[in-house]
């Protein structure tokens, strides 16, 4: 199975859950471009509950940045500490 076909199949699996879940923000489609979702970002206020629901349906989920970039050791020299980007935290 090619990467594109596999990604399209995975995306079709998750879309029904995104449509019915409350407060889910999904990526916008751009009309003159095709999207490649090697990372399909979903924002929700009920992340852990939504992840568990998807995993119970056999859909793997991952947290791409478990530690927000501005709090990682590589960026500690920058003037951004805890609270600088509360949505990311």
C-alpha atoms as a PDB file:
ATOM      1  CA  UNK A   1       0.000   0.000   0.000  1.00  0.00           C
ATOM      2  CA  UNK A   2       1.509   3.325  -0.985  1.00  0.00           C
ATOM      3  CA  UNK A   3       1.889   6.085   1.561  1.00  0.00           C
ATOM      4  CA  UNK A   4      -0.741   8.231  -0.135  1.00  0.00           C
ATOM      5  CA  UNK A   5      -3.327   5.448  -0.310  1.00  0.00           C
ATOM      6  CA  UNK A   6      -2.619   4.458   3.275  1.00  0.00           C
ATOM      7  CA  UNK A   7      -2.928   8.084   4.426  1.00  0.00           C
ATOM      8  CA  UNK A   8      -6.203   8.562   2.533  1.00  0.00           C
ATOM      9  CA  UNK A   9      -7.612   5.368   4.078  1.00  0.00           C
ATOM     10  CA  UNK A  10      -6.577   6.495   7.564  1.00  0.00           C
ATOM     11  CA  UNK A  11      -8.081   9.926   6.982  1.00  0.00           C
ATOM     12  CA  UNK A  12     -11.380   8.381   5.861  1.00  0.00           C
ATOM     13  CA  UNK A  13     -11.416   6.350   9.090  1.00  0.00           C
ATOM     14  CA  UNK A  14     -11.056   9.361  11.344  1.00  0.00           C
ATOM     15  CA  UNK A  15     -13.283  11.909   9.564  1.00  0.00           C
ATOM     16  CA  UNK A  16     -16.631  10.597  10.923  1.00  0.00           C
ATOM     17  CA  UNK A  17     -15.309  11.011  14.472  1.00  0.00           C
ATOM     18  CA  UNK A  18     -14.124  14.541  13.758  1.00  0.00           C
ATOM     19  CA  UNK A  19     -17.526  15.546  12.402  1.00  0.00           C
ATOM     20  CA  UNK A  20     -19.472  14.349  15.444  1.00  0.00           C
ATOM     21  CA  UNK A  21     -17.041  15.253  18.212  1.00  0.00           C
ATOM     22  CA  UNK A  22     -17.803  18.468  20.013  1.00  0.00           C
ATOM     23  CA  UNK A  23     -15.254  21.270  19.861  1.00  0.00           C
ATOM     24  CA  UNK A  24     -12.901  19.539  17.410  1.00  0.00           C
ATOM     25  CA  UNK A  25     -10.797  21.816  15.210  1.00  0.00           C
ATOM     26  CA  UNK A  26      -9.347  20.120  12.130  1.00  0.00           C
ATOM     27  CA  UNK A  27      -6.957  21.379   9.427  1.00  0.00           C
ATOM     28  CA  UNK A  28      -8.475  23.533   6.690  1.00  0.00           C
ATOM     29  CA  UNK A  29      -8.424  22.307   3.109  1.00  0.00           C
ATOM     30  CA  UNK A  30      -6.985  24.707   0.548  1.00  0.00           C
ATOM     31  CA  UNK A  31      -8.969  24.698  -2.703  1.00  0.00           C
ATOM     32  CA  UNK A  32      -6.024  24.820  -5.137  1.00  0.00           C
ATOM     33  CA  UNK A  33      -3.797  22.322  -3.328  1.00  0.00           C
ATOM     34  CA  UNK A  34      -3.907  18.691  -2.310  1.00  0.00           C
ATOM     35  CA  UNK A  35      -3.261  17.887   1.303  1.00  0.00           C
ATOM     36  CA  UNK A  36      -0.820  15.253   2.540  1.00  0.00           C
ATOM     37  CA  UNK A  37      -1.597  14.366   6.116  1.00  0.00           C
ATOM     38  CA  UNK A  38       1.468  12.630   7.502  1.00  0.00           C
ATOM     39  CA  UNK A  39       0.411  14.511  10.615  1.00  0.00           C
ATOM     40  CA  UNK A  40      -3.311  15.179  10.964  1.00  0.00           C
ATOM     41  CA  UNK A  41      -3.601  17.712  13.747  1.00  0.00           C
ATOM     42  CA  UNK A  42      -6.788  17.759  15.793  1.00  0.00           C
ATOM     43  CA  UNK A  43      -7.459  20.288  18.523  1.00  0.00           C
ATOM     44  CA  UNK A  44     -10.041  19.585  21.200  1.00  0.00           C
ATOM     45  CA  UNK A  45     -10.645  20.556  24.808  1.00  0.00           C
ATOM     46  CA  UNK A  46     -11.173  16.854  25.597  1.00  0.00           C
ATOM     47  CA  UNK A  47      -7.927  15.489  24.163  1.00  0.00           C
ATOM     48  CA  UNK A  48      -7.452  12.469  26.416  1.00  0.00           C
ATOM     49  CA  UNK A  49     -11.094  11.373  26.160  1.00  0.00           C
ATOM     50  CA  UNK A  50     -11.051  11.764  22.362  1.00  0.00           C
ATOM     51  CA  UNK A  51      -7.757   9.860  22.052  1.00  0.00           C
ATOM     52  CA  UNK A  52      -9.121   6.983  24.143  1.00  0.00           C
ATOM     53  CA  UNK A  53     -12.285   6.855  22.021  1.00  0.00           C
ATOM     54  CA  UNK A  54     -10.264   6.694  18.784  1.00  0.00           C
ATOM     55  CA  UNK A  55      -7.863   4.098  20.170  1.00  0.00           C
ATOM     56  CA  UNK A  56     -10.823   1.943  21.270  1.00  0.00           C
ATOM     57  CA  UNK A  57     -11.907   2.027  17.601  1.00  0.00           C
ATOM     58  CA  UNK A  58      -8.440   0.891  16.467  1.00  0.00           C
ATOM     59  CA  UNK A  59      -7.236   4.330  15.373  1.00  0.00           C
ATOM     60  CA  UNK A  60      -3.744   5.121  16.628  1.00  0.00           C
ATOM     61  CA  UNK A  61      -3.144   8.598  18.006  1.00  0.00           C
ATOM     62  CA  UNK A  62       0.054  10.301  19.096  1.00  0.00           C
ATOM     63  CA  UNK A  63       0.886  13.589  20.734  1.00  0.00           C
ATOM     64  CA  UNK A  64       3.374  15.146  18.329  1.00  0.00           C
ATOM     65  CA  UNK A  65       4.954  17.479  20.877  1.00  0.00           C
ATOM     66  CA  UNK A  66       4.349  16.041  24.370  1.00  0.00           C
ATOM     67  CA  UNK A  67       6.528  18.904  25.624  1.00  0.00           C
ATOM     68  CA  UNK A  68       5.755  22.173  23.828  1.00  0.00           C
ATOM     69  CA  UNK A  69       8.755  23.353  21.783  1.00  0.00           C
ATOM     70  CA  UNK A  70       9.254  26.536  23.834  1.00  0.00           C
ATOM     71  CA  UNK A  71       9.685  24.419  27.001  1.00  0.00           C
ATOM     72  CA  UNK A  72      12.208  21.984  25.520  1.00  0.00           C
ATOM     73  CA  UNK A  73      15.826  22.088  26.636  1.00  0.00           C
ATOM     74  CA  UNK A  74      17.046  23.155  23.182  1.00  0.00           C
ATOM     75  CA  UNK A  75      15.102  26.405  23.515  1.00  0.00           C
ATOM     76  CA  UNK A  76      15.764  27.231  27.166  1.00  0.00           C
ATOM     77  CA  UNK A  77      18.095  30.074  26.121  1.00  0.00           C
ATOM     78  CA  UNK A  78      15.120  31.918  24.588  1.00  0.00           C
ATOM     79  CA  UNK A  79      12.977  34.301  26.660  1.00  0.00           C
ATOM     80  CA  UNK A  80       9.891  32.055  26.570  1.00  0.00           C
ATOM     81  CA  UNK A  81       9.075  30.215  29.762  1.00  0.00           C
ATOM     82  CA  UNK A  82       6.036  28.431  31.122  1.00  0.00           C
ATOM     83  CA  UNK A  83       2.920  30.436  30.391  1.00  0.00           C
ATOM     84  CA  UNK A  84       4.311  32.144  27.287  1.00  0.00           C
ATOM     85  CA  UNK A  85       2.168  29.971  24.982  1.00  0.00           C
ATOM     86  CA  UNK A  86      -0.709  28.657  27.114  1.00  0.00           C
ATOM     87  CA  UNK A  87      -2.579  27.007  24.226  1.00  0.00           C
ATOM     88  CA  UNK A  88       0.497  24.908  23.419  1.00  0.00           C
ATOM     89  CA  UNK A  89       0.873  23.975  27.062  1.00  0.00           C
END
